[in-house]
Amino acid sequence: MKILCLGGGPAGLYFAISMKLRDPAHQVTVLERNRANDTFGWGVVLSDDALSRMQDNDPKSTAAIRDHFAYWDDIAVVHKGRRTVSGGHGFAGIGRKQMLILLQERARELGVDMQFQTEFKSAEDYRKDYDLVVGCDGINSLVRKEYEGVFKPDIEVRLCKFIWLGTRQK
């Protein structure tokens, strides 16, 4: 099967890896508009459940990623000098760039063809040459926009703010 992933972030790379693990004969290509070491965003946080599923899917990439994780169980919110702690969550986090490097290494090892600095304008342009075209192009997905009438996404921009800051607190 010829498979194309439009986008080389964590989702696109992990999908490509997963398909090669299912059948090494799959011809899997990842197109990414940025350079291999470019990244946007700060980090990736995974729950214990997600890590367990990753372990079942690909123990090798999971082991490499785990070696770079920071782990925590409690979430502390400090507001106006008052600290509130909620425990038992089980999370792990890794810098996005490091995760991309590790996933690129694993994809390369499995024979995934990764093409960086490669723009695409339309998923439709690739449908005749590939058995499966997967949109992995992030929050402002061109693929989702192109197939808006089919996918019928329901996207609402809200006024609430979310920010994740790394701080040195003990």
N, C-alpha and C. Protein backbone atom coordinates (compact mmCIF):
# COMPACT_ATOMS: atom_id res chain seq x y z
N MET A 1 0.84 -1.18 0.00
CA MET A 1 0.00 0.00 0.00
C MET A 1 0.88 1.24 0.00
N LYS A 2 0.54 2.20 -0.84
CA LYS A 2 1.25 3.49 -0.88
C LYS A 2 0.47 4.47 -0.01
N ILE A 3 1.17 5.02 0.99
CA ILE A 3 0.53 5.90 1.97
C ILE A 3 1.28 7.22 2.02
N LEU A 4 0.53 8.31 2.05
CA LEU A 4 1.12 9.64 2.15
C LEU A 4 0.56 10.34 3.38
N CYS A 5 1.45 10.85 4.22
CA CYS A 5 1.07 11.67 5.37
C CYS A 5 1.41 13.12 5.05
N LEU A 6 0.40 13.96 5.01
CA LEU A 6 0.60 15.38 4.75
C LEU A 6 0.79 16.08 6.09
N GLY A 7 2.04 16.18 6.51
CA GLY A 7 2.40 16.77 7.79
C GLY A 7 3.32 15.84 8.56
N GLY A 8 4.42 16.40 9.06
CA GLY A 8 5.43 15.60 9.74
C GLY A 8 5.61 15.97 11.20
N GLY A 9 4.53 16.34 11.86
CA GLY A 9 4.57 16.55 13.31
C GLY A 9 4.45 15.22 14.02
N PRO A 10 4.26 15.24 15.33
CA PRO A 10 4.16 13.98 16.07
C PRO A 10 3.09 13.03 15.55
N ALA A 11 1.92 13.55 15.18
CA ALA A 11 0.83 12.68 14.71
C ALA A 11 1.19 12.02 13.38
N GLY A 12 1.69 12.81 12.43
CA GLY A 12 2.05 12.26 11.13
C GLY A 12 3.17 11.24 11.21
N LEU A 13 4.20 11.56 11.99
CA LEU A 13 5.32 10.63 12.14
C LEU A 13 4.89 9.35 12.84
N TYR A 14 4.09 9.48 13.89
CA TYR A 14 3.68 8.28 14.63
C TYR A 14 2.76 7.41 13.78
N PHE A 15 1.89 8.03 12.98
CA PHE A 15 1.04 7.25 12.07
C PHE A 15 1.91 6.51 11.06
N ALA A 16 2.90 7.20 10.49
CA ALA A 16 3.80 6.58 9.51
C ALA A 16 4.53 5.39 10.12
N ILE A 17 5.04 5.57 11.32
CA ILE A 17 5.71 4.48 12.04
C ILE A 17 4.75 3.31 12.24
N SER A 18 3.55 3.61 12.68
CA SER A 18 2.56 2.56 12.95
C SER A 18 2.22 1.77 11.69
N MET A 19 2.11 2.45 10.57
CA MET A 19 1.78 1.75 9.32
C MET A 19 2.93 0.85 8.88
N LYS A 20 4.17 1.30 9.04
CA LYS A 20 5.32 0.46 8.69
C LYS A 20 5.41 -0.75 9.61
N LEU A 21 5.03 -0.58 10.87
CA LEU A 21 5.04 -1.71 11.80
C LEU A 21 3.97 -2.73 11.43
N ARG A 22 2.83 -2.26 10.91
CA ARG A 22 1.76 -3.18 10.51
C ARG A 22 2.17 -4.02 9.32
N ASP A 23 2.90 -3.37 8.38
CA ASP A 23 3.36 -4.08 7.18
C ASP A 23 4.58 -3.34 6.64
N PRO A 24 5.77 -3.91 6.82
CA PRO A 24 7.00 -3.25 6.34
C PRO A 24 7.01 -2.99 4.84
N ALA A 25 6.15 -3.70 4.09
CA ALA A 25 6.10 -3.50 2.65
C ALA A 25 5.36 -2.22 2.26
N HIS A 26 4.61 -1.64 3.19
CA HIS A 26 3.94 -0.37 2.89
C HIS A 26 4.98 0.66 2.47
N GLN A 27 4.68 1.41 1.44
CA GLN A 27 5.51 2.54 1.03
C GLN A 27 4.91 3.78 1.68
N VAL A 28 5.58 4.28 2.71
CA VAL A 28 5.03 5.40 3.49
C VAL A 28 5.90 6.64 3.28
N THR A 29 5.25 7.72 2.89
CA THR A 29 5.93 9.00 2.67
C THR A 29 5.30 10.04 3.58
N VAL A 30 6.16 10.88 4.17
CA VAL A 30 5.71 12.01 4.99
C VAL A 30 6.20 13.29 4.32
N LEU A 31 5.27 14.19 4.02
CA LEU A 31 5.64 15.51 3.50
C LEU A 31 5.50 16.52 4.63
N GLU A 32 6.56 17.29 4.85
CA GLU A 32 6.55 18.31 5.91
C GLU A 32 7.08 19.61 5.33
N ARG A 33 6.35 20.70 5.52
CA ARG A 33 6.75 21.97 4.93
C ARG A 33 7.95 22.60 5.60
N ASN A 34 8.20 22.28 6.86
CA ASN A 34 9.32 22.86 7.59
C ASN A 34 10.56 21.97 7.49
N ARG A 35 11.67 22.48 8.02
CA ARG A 35 12.89 21.69 8.08
C ARG A 35 12.74 20.63 9.17
N ALA A 36 13.60 19.64 9.14
CA ALA A 36 13.50 18.52 10.08
C ALA A 36 13.55 18.97 11.54
N ASN A 37 14.34 19.95 11.85
CA ASN A 37 14.51 20.35 13.25
C ASN A 37 13.70 21.57 13.65
N ASP A 38 12.82 22.04 12.77
CA ASP A 38 11.94 23.15 13.12
C ASP A 38 10.78 22.63 13.96
N THR A 39 10.34 23.44 14.89
CA THR A 39 9.17 23.05 15.66
C THR A 39 8.42 24.29 16.13
N PHE A 40 7.15 24.10 16.33
CA PHE A 40 6.29 25.15 16.84
C PHE A 40 5.54 24.55 18.01
N GLY A 41 5.51 25.25 19.08
CA GLY A 41 4.94 24.68 20.29
C GLY A 41 6.07 24.36 21.25
N TRP A 42 5.70 24.00 22.44
CA TRP A 42 6.68 23.89 23.50
C TRP A 42 6.94 22.45 23.90
N GLY A 43 5.91 21.70 24.12
CA GLY A 43 6.09 20.33 24.58
C GLY A 43 4.88 19.48 24.31
N VAL A 44 5.03 18.21 24.58
CA VAL A 44 3.96 17.23 24.40
C VAL A 44 3.77 16.53 25.74
N VAL A 45 2.54 16.48 26.20
CA VAL A 45 2.20 15.81 27.45
C VAL A 45 1.34 14.60 27.13
N LEU A 46 1.68 13.47 27.71
CA LEU A 46 0.93 12.23 27.49
C LEU A 46 0.51 11.64 28.83
N SER A 47 -0.67 11.08 28.85
CA SER A 47 -1.18 10.43 30.06
C SER A 47 -0.58 9.03 30.17
N ASP A 48 -0.72 8.43 31.33
CA ASP A 48 -0.28 7.04 31.52
C ASP A 48 -0.97 6.11 30.53
N ASP A 49 -2.26 6.35 30.27
CA ASP A 49 -3.01 5.52 29.33
C ASP A 49 -2.43 5.63 27.92
N ALA A 50 -2.11 6.84 27.49
CA ALA A 50 -1.52 7.02 26.16
C ALA A 50 -0.17 6.32 26.07
N LEU A 51 0.64 6.43 27.11
CA LEU A 51 1.94 5.77 27.12
C LEU A 51 1.79 4.25 27.05
N SER A 52 0.80 3.72 27.73
CA SER A 52 0.55 2.28 27.70
C SER A 52 0.18 1.83 26.28
N ARG A 53 -0.64 2.60 25.61
CA ARG A 53 -1.03 2.26 24.23
C ARG A 53 0.16 2.39 23.28
N MET A 54 0.99 3.40 23.49
CA MET A 54 2.19 3.54 22.68
C MET A 54 3.12 2.35 22.89
N GLN A 55 3.27 1.91 24.12
CA GLN A 55 4.11 0.76 24.45
C GLN A 55 3.61 -0.49 23.72
N ASP A 56 2.30 -0.69 23.71
CA ASP A 56 1.73 -1.84 23.01
C ASP A 56 1.97 -1.75 21.50
N ASN A 57 1.93 -0.54 20.96
CA ASN A 57 2.06 -0.33 19.53
C ASN A 57 3.52 -0.43 19.07
N ASP A 58 4.42 0.22 19.78
CA ASP A 58 5.83 0.24 19.37
C ASP A 58 6.73 0.42 20.59
N PRO A 59 7.12 -0.69 21.21
CA PRO A 59 7.97 -0.61 22.40
C PRO A 59 9.28 0.15 22.16
N LYS A 60 9.83 0.05 20.95
CA LYS A 60 11.13 0.67 20.69
C LYS A 60 11.05 2.20 20.72
N SER A 61 10.10 2.78 20.01
CA SER A 61 10.01 4.25 20.02
C SER A 61 9.56 4.74 21.39
N THR A 62 8.71 3.97 22.06
CA THR A 62 8.24 4.36 23.39
C THR A 62 9.41 4.39 24.37
N ALA A 63 10.30 3.41 24.30
CA ALA A 63 11.46 3.39 25.19
C ALA A 63 12.35 4.61 24.95
N ALA A 64 12.57 4.96 23.69
CA ALA A 64 13.40 6.12 23.37
C ALA A 64 12.77 7.41 23.90
N ILE A 65 11.47 7.52 23.75
CA ILE A 65 10.76 8.71 24.22
C ILE A 65 10.76 8.77 25.75
N ARG A 66 10.51 7.63 26.39
CA ARG A 66 10.47 7.58 27.86
C ARG A 66 11.78 8.05 28.49
N ASP A 67 12.89 7.77 27.82
CA ASP A 67 14.20 8.17 28.35
C ASP A 67 14.34 9.69 28.46
N HIS A 68 13.49 10.44 27.77
CA HIS A 68 13.57 11.90 27.77
C HIS A 68 12.39 12.56 28.48
N PHE A 69 11.54 11.76 29.07
CA PHE A 69 10.34 12.30 29.73
C PHE A 69 10.63 12.88 31.10
N ALA A 70 9.84 13.87 31.45
CA ALA A 70 9.70 14.32 32.84
C ALA A 70 8.36 13.76 33.29
N TYR A 71 8.32 13.14 34.46
CA TYR A 71 7.09 12.51 34.96
C TYR A 71 6.55 13.29 36.15
N TRP A 72 5.23 13.30 36.28
CA TRP A 72 4.60 13.87 37.46
C TRP A 72 3.22 13.26 37.65
N ASP A 73 2.81 13.26 38.88
CA ASP A 73 1.52 12.69 39.25
C ASP A 73 0.57 13.77 39.76
N ASP A 74 1.14 14.80 40.37
CA ASP A 74 0.34 15.88 40.95
C ASP A 74 0.34 17.10 40.04
N ILE A 75 -0.75 17.82 40.07
CA ILE A 75 -0.86 19.10 39.39
C ILE A 75 -1.07 20.15 40.48
N ALA A 76 -0.20 21.15 40.50
CA ALA A 76 -0.31 22.21 41.50
C ALA A 76 -0.64 23.53 40.81
N VAL A 77 -1.61 24.21 41.33
CA VAL A 77 -1.97 25.54 40.85
C VAL A 77 -1.68 26.51 41.98
N VAL A 78 -0.86 27.52 41.69
CA VAL A 78 -0.54 28.54 42.68
C VAL A 78 -1.17 29.84 42.19
N HIS A 79 -2.09 30.36 42.99
CA HIS A 79 -2.79 31.59 42.62
C HIS A 79 -2.87 32.50 43.84
N LYS A 80 -2.31 33.69 43.69
CA LYS A 80 -2.28 34.67 44.78
C LYS A 80 -1.72 34.08 46.06
N GLY A 81 -0.63 33.33 45.90
CA GLY A 81 0.05 32.77 47.06
C GLY A 81 -0.57 31.50 47.62
N ARG A 82 -1.68 31.08 47.10
CA ARG A 82 -2.33 29.87 47.60
C ARG A 82 -2.05 28.71 46.65
N ARG A 83 -1.55 27.63 47.18
CA ARG A 83 -1.20 26.45 46.39
C ARG A 83 -2.27 25.38 46.57
N THR A 84 -2.85 24.94 45.45
CA THR A 84 -3.85 23.87 45.45
C THR A 84 -3.28 22.71 44.64
N VAL A 85 -3.27 21.51 45.22
CA VAL A 85 -2.68 20.34 44.59
C VAL A 85 -3.77 19.30 44.32
N SER A 86 -3.73 18.76 43.12
CA SER A 86 -4.60 17.65 42.74
C SER A 86 -3.70 16.50 42.32
N GLY A 87 -3.90 15.31 42.87
CA GLY A 87 -2.98 14.20 42.62
C GLY A 87 -3.62 13.03 41.89
N GLY A 88 -2.75 12.08 41.52
CA GLY A 88 -3.19 10.83 40.92
C GLY A 88 -3.46 10.89 39.42
N HIS A 89 -2.86 11.87 38.74
CA HIS A 89 -3.16 12.04 37.32
C HIS A 89 -2.27 11.20 36.41
N GLY A 90 -1.01 11.07 36.73
CA GLY A 90 -0.08 10.28 35.92
C GLY A 90 0.16 10.86 34.54
N PHE A 91 1.11 11.76 34.44
CA PHE A 91 1.46 12.38 33.17
C PHE A 91 2.96 12.30 32.94
N ALA A 92 3.34 12.46 31.67
CA ALA A 92 4.74 12.58 31.30
C ALA A 92 4.82 13.63 30.20
N GLY A 93 5.89 14.39 30.20
CA GLY A 93 6.06 15.43 29.19
C GLY A 93 7.44 15.38 28.57
N ILE A 94 7.50 15.82 27.33
CA ILE A 94 8.76 15.85 26.59
C ILE A 94 8.74 17.10 25.71
N GLY A 95 9.91 17.69 25.51
CA GLY A 95 10.00 18.82 24.59
C GLY A 95 9.62 18.37 23.19
N ARG A 96 8.86 19.20 22.51
CA ARG A 96 8.36 18.84 21.17
C ARG A 96 9.51 18.55 20.20
N LYS A 97 10.56 19.36 20.23
CA LYS A 97 11.69 19.15 19.31
C LYS A 97 12.33 17.79 19.56
N GLN A 98 12.55 17.44 20.83
CA GLN A 98 13.16 16.14 21.14
C GLN A 98 12.26 15.00 20.68
N MET A 99 10.96 15.14 20.86
CA MET A 99 10.05 14.09 20.42
C MET A 99 10.10 13.93 18.91
N LEU A 100 10.14 15.05 18.19
CA LEU A 100 10.24 14.98 16.73
C LEU A 100 11.52 14.29 16.30
N ILE A 101 12.63 14.62 16.94
CA ILE A 101 13.91 13.98 16.60
C ILE A 101 13.82 12.47 16.79
N LEU A 102 13.27 12.04 17.91
CA LEU A 102 13.16 10.60 18.20
C LEU A 102 12.22 9.90 17.23
N LEU A 103 11.09 10.52 16.92
CA LEU A 103 10.15 9.91 15.98
C LEU A 103 10.73 9.88 14.57
N GLN A 104 11.47 10.92 14.18
CA GLN A 104 12.12 10.92 12.87
C GLN A 104 13.15 9.80 12.78
N GLU A 105 13.92 9.60 13.85
CA GLU A 105 14.91 8.51 13.86
C GLU A 105 14.23 7.16 13.68
N ARG A 106 13.14 6.93 14.41
CA ARG A 106 12.43 5.65 14.32
C ARG A 106 11.81 5.47 12.93
N ALA A 107 11.22 6.53 12.39
CA ALA A 107 10.63 6.45 11.06
C ALA A 107 11.70 6.13 10.02
N ARG A 108 12.83 6.79 10.11
CA ARG A 108 13.94 6.55 9.19
C ARG A 108 14.40 5.10 9.28
N GLU A 109 14.53 4.60 10.51
CA GLU A 109 14.95 3.21 10.75
C GLU A 109 14.00 2.21 10.08
N LEU A 110 12.72 2.53 10.06
CA LEU A 110 11.71 1.64 9.48
C LEU A 110 11.54 1.83 7.97
N GLY A 111 12.22 2.82 7.41
CA GLY A 111 12.15 3.02 5.97
C GLY A 111 11.10 4.00 5.49
N VAL A 112 10.62 4.86 6.38
CA VAL A 112 9.67 5.90 5.98
C VAL A 112 10.43 6.96 5.18
N ASP A 113 9.87 7.37 4.05
CA ASP A 113 10.45 8.43 3.22
C ASP A 113 9.96 9.77 3.76
N MET A 114 10.85 10.53 4.38
CA MET A 114 10.48 11.84 4.94
C MET A 114 11.04 12.93 4.04
N GLN A 115 10.15 13.78 3.56
CA GLN A 115 10.53 14.87 2.67
C GLN A 115 10.21 16.19 3.36
N PHE A 116 11.27 16.88 3.79
CA PHE A 116 11.12 18.14 4.50
C PHE A 116 11.19 19.31 3.52
N GLN A 117 10.77 20.48 3.99
CA GLN A 117 10.72 21.69 3.17
C GLN A 117 9.94 21.43 1.88
N THR A 118 8.83 20.73 2.03
CA THR A 118 7.98 20.37 0.90
C THR A 118 6.56 20.84 1.16
N GLU A 119 6.14 21.84 0.44
CA GLU A 119 4.79 22.40 0.59
C GLU A 119 3.80 21.55 -0.20
N PHE A 120 2.56 21.55 0.25
CA PHE A 120 1.48 20.99 -0.55
C PHE A 120 0.33 21.99 -0.52
N LYS A 121 -0.44 21.99 -1.58
CA LYS A 121 -1.58 22.91 -1.66
C LYS A 121 -2.90 22.17 -1.52
N SER A 122 -2.91 20.90 -1.95
CA SER A 122 -4.16 20.16 -1.97
C SER A 122 -3.90 18.67 -1.79
N ALA A 123 -4.66 18.04 -0.92
CA ALA A 123 -4.58 16.58 -0.76
C ALA A 123 -5.05 15.90 -2.03
N GLU A 124 -5.96 16.53 -2.71
CA GLU A 124 -6.54 15.98 -3.94
C GLU A 124 -5.45 15.72 -4.98
N ASP A 125 -4.40 16.55 -4.97
CA ASP A 125 -3.30 16.39 -5.93
C ASP A 125 -2.61 15.04 -5.81
N TYR A 126 -2.73 14.38 -4.67
CA TYR A 126 -2.00 13.14 -4.41
C TYR A 126 -2.87 11.89 -4.47
N ARG A 127 -4.17 12.05 -4.55
CA ARG A 127 -5.07 10.90 -4.44
C ARG A 127 -4.87 9.87 -5.55
N LYS A 128 -4.49 10.30 -6.73
CA LYS A 128 -4.32 9.34 -7.83
C LYS A 128 -3.04 8.52 -7.69
N ASP A 129 -2.06 9.04 -6.95
CA ASP A 129 -0.77 8.37 -6.82
C ASP A 129 -0.62 7.54 -5.54
N TYR A 130 -1.55 7.70 -4.60
CA TYR A 130 -1.46 7.00 -3.32
C TYR A 130 -2.76 6.28 -3.01
N ASP A 131 -2.62 5.15 -2.31
CA ASP A 131 -3.81 4.40 -1.88
C ASP A 131 -4.49 5.08 -0.70
N LEU A 132 -3.70 5.76 0.12
CA LEU A 132 -4.23 6.43 1.30
C LEU A 132 -3.49 7.75 1.50
N VAL A 133 -4.23 8.84 1.62
CA VAL A 133 -3.65 10.15 1.92
C VAL A 133 -4.23 10.58 3.27
N VAL A 134 -3.32 10.88 4.22
CA VAL A 134 -3.74 11.20 5.59
C VAL A 134 -3.37 12.66 5.89
N GLY A 135 -4.34 13.42 6.34
CA GLY A 135 -4.08 14.80 6.74
C GLY A 135 -3.56 14.84 8.17
N CYS A 136 -2.31 15.24 8.33
CA CYS A 136 -1.66 15.34 9.65
C CYS A 136 -1.06 16.73 9.77
N ASP A 137 -1.77 17.72 9.26
CA ASP A 137 -1.17 19.04 9.09
C ASP A 137 -1.61 20.06 10.14
N GLY A 138 -1.95 19.59 11.31
CA GLY A 138 -2.06 20.47 12.46
C GLY A 138 -3.34 21.26 12.61
N ILE A 139 -3.26 22.20 13.52
CA ILE A 139 -4.44 22.95 13.95
C ILE A 139 -5.07 23.77 12.83
N ASN A 140 -4.27 24.31 11.95
CA ASN A 140 -4.80 25.08 10.81
C ASN A 140 -4.77 24.24 9.54
N SER A 141 -5.25 23.03 9.64
CA SER A 141 -5.17 22.02 8.60
C SER A 141 -5.74 22.46 7.25
N LEU A 142 -4.91 22.41 6.23
CA LEU A 142 -5.38 22.65 4.87
C LEU A 142 -6.26 21.50 4.40
N VAL A 143 -5.92 20.28 4.83
CA VAL A 143 -6.71 19.11 4.44
C VAL A 143 -8.12 19.21 5.02
N ARG A 144 -8.22 19.55 6.28
CA ARG A 144 -9.54 19.69 6.90
C ARG A 144 -10.35 20.77 6.19
N LYS A 145 -9.70 21.86 5.84
CA LYS A 145 -10.39 22.95 5.13
C LYS A 145 -10.82 22.48 3.74
N GLU A 146 -9.94 21.75 3.06
CA GLU A 146 -10.25 21.27 1.71
C GLU A 146 -11.48 20.35 1.70
N TYR A 147 -11.59 19.52 2.72
CA TYR A 147 -12.69 18.56 2.79
C TYR A 147 -13.73 18.95 3.83
N GLU A 148 -13.87 20.24 4.05
CA GLU A 148 -14.80 20.75 5.05
C GLU A 148 -16.22 20.24 4.81
N GLY A 149 -16.62 20.16 3.57
CA GLY A 149 -17.96 19.69 3.24
C GLY A 149 -18.17 18.22 3.56
N VAL A 150 -17.09 17.45 3.57
CA VAL A 150 -17.17 16.02 3.89
C VAL A 150 -17.04 15.79 5.39
N PHE A 151 -16.01 16.41 6.00
CA PHE A 151 -15.75 16.20 7.43
C PHE A 151 -16.74 16.95 8.32
N LYS A 152 -17.23 18.07 7.82
CA LYS A 152 -18.15 18.93 8.58
C LYS A 152 -17.63 19.24 9.99
N PRO A 153 -16.42 19.79 10.08
CA PRO A 153 -15.88 20.11 11.42
C PRO A 153 -16.70 21.20 12.09
N ASP A 154 -16.77 21.13 13.38
CA ASP A 154 -17.48 22.13 14.18
C ASP A 154 -16.43 22.84 15.04
N ILE A 155 -15.94 23.95 14.56
CA ILE A 155 -14.87 24.67 15.23
C ILE A 155 -15.41 26.00 15.74
N GLU A 156 -15.24 26.22 17.02
CA GLU A 156 -15.66 27.47 17.64
C GLU A 156 -14.45 28.11 18.32
N VAL A 157 -14.17 29.34 17.98
CA VAL A 157 -13.10 30.07 18.64
C VAL A 157 -13.73 30.74 19.86
N ARG A 158 -13.16 30.47 21.02
CA ARG A 158 -13.70 30.99 22.28
C ARG A 158 -12.79 32.05 22.86
N LEU A 159 -13.30 32.76 23.83
CA LEU A 159 -12.53 33.83 24.47
C LEU A 159 -11.65 33.33 25.61
N CYS A 160 -11.88 32.11 26.08
CA CYS A 160 -11.09 31.61 27.20
C CYS A 160 -9.63 31.45 26.77
N LYS A 161 -8.76 31.62 27.71
CA LYS A 161 -7.32 31.56 27.44
C LYS A 161 -6.75 30.30 28.06
N PHE A 162 -5.82 29.70 27.37
CA PHE A 162 -5.09 28.57 27.91
C PHE A 162 -3.62 28.86 27.68
N ILE A 163 -2.84 28.67 28.71
CA ILE A 163 -1.40 28.86 28.56
C ILE A 163 -0.70 27.85 29.45
N TRP A 164 0.35 27.30 28.92
CA TRP A 164 1.11 26.31 29.66
C TRP A 164 2.51 26.90 29.82
N LEU A 165 2.89 27.14 31.03
CA LEU A 165 4.20 27.73 31.30
C LEU A 165 5.03 26.78 32.14
N GLY A 166 6.26 26.63 31.79
CA GLY A 166 7.17 25.87 32.62
C GLY A 166 7.79 26.80 33.65
N THR A 167 7.66 26.46 34.90
CA THR A 167 8.24 27.30 35.95
C THR A 167 9.06 26.45 36.88
N ARG A 168 9.99 27.07 37.53
CA ARG A 168 10.81 26.37 38.51
C ARG A 168 10.17 26.55 39.88
N GLN A 169 9.28 25.66 40.21
CA GLN A 169 8.64 25.68 41.52
C GLN A 169 8.82 24.32 42.16
N LYS A 170 9.00 24.33 43.44
CA LYS A 170 9.18 23.07 44.18
C LYS A 170 7.99 22.85 45.07
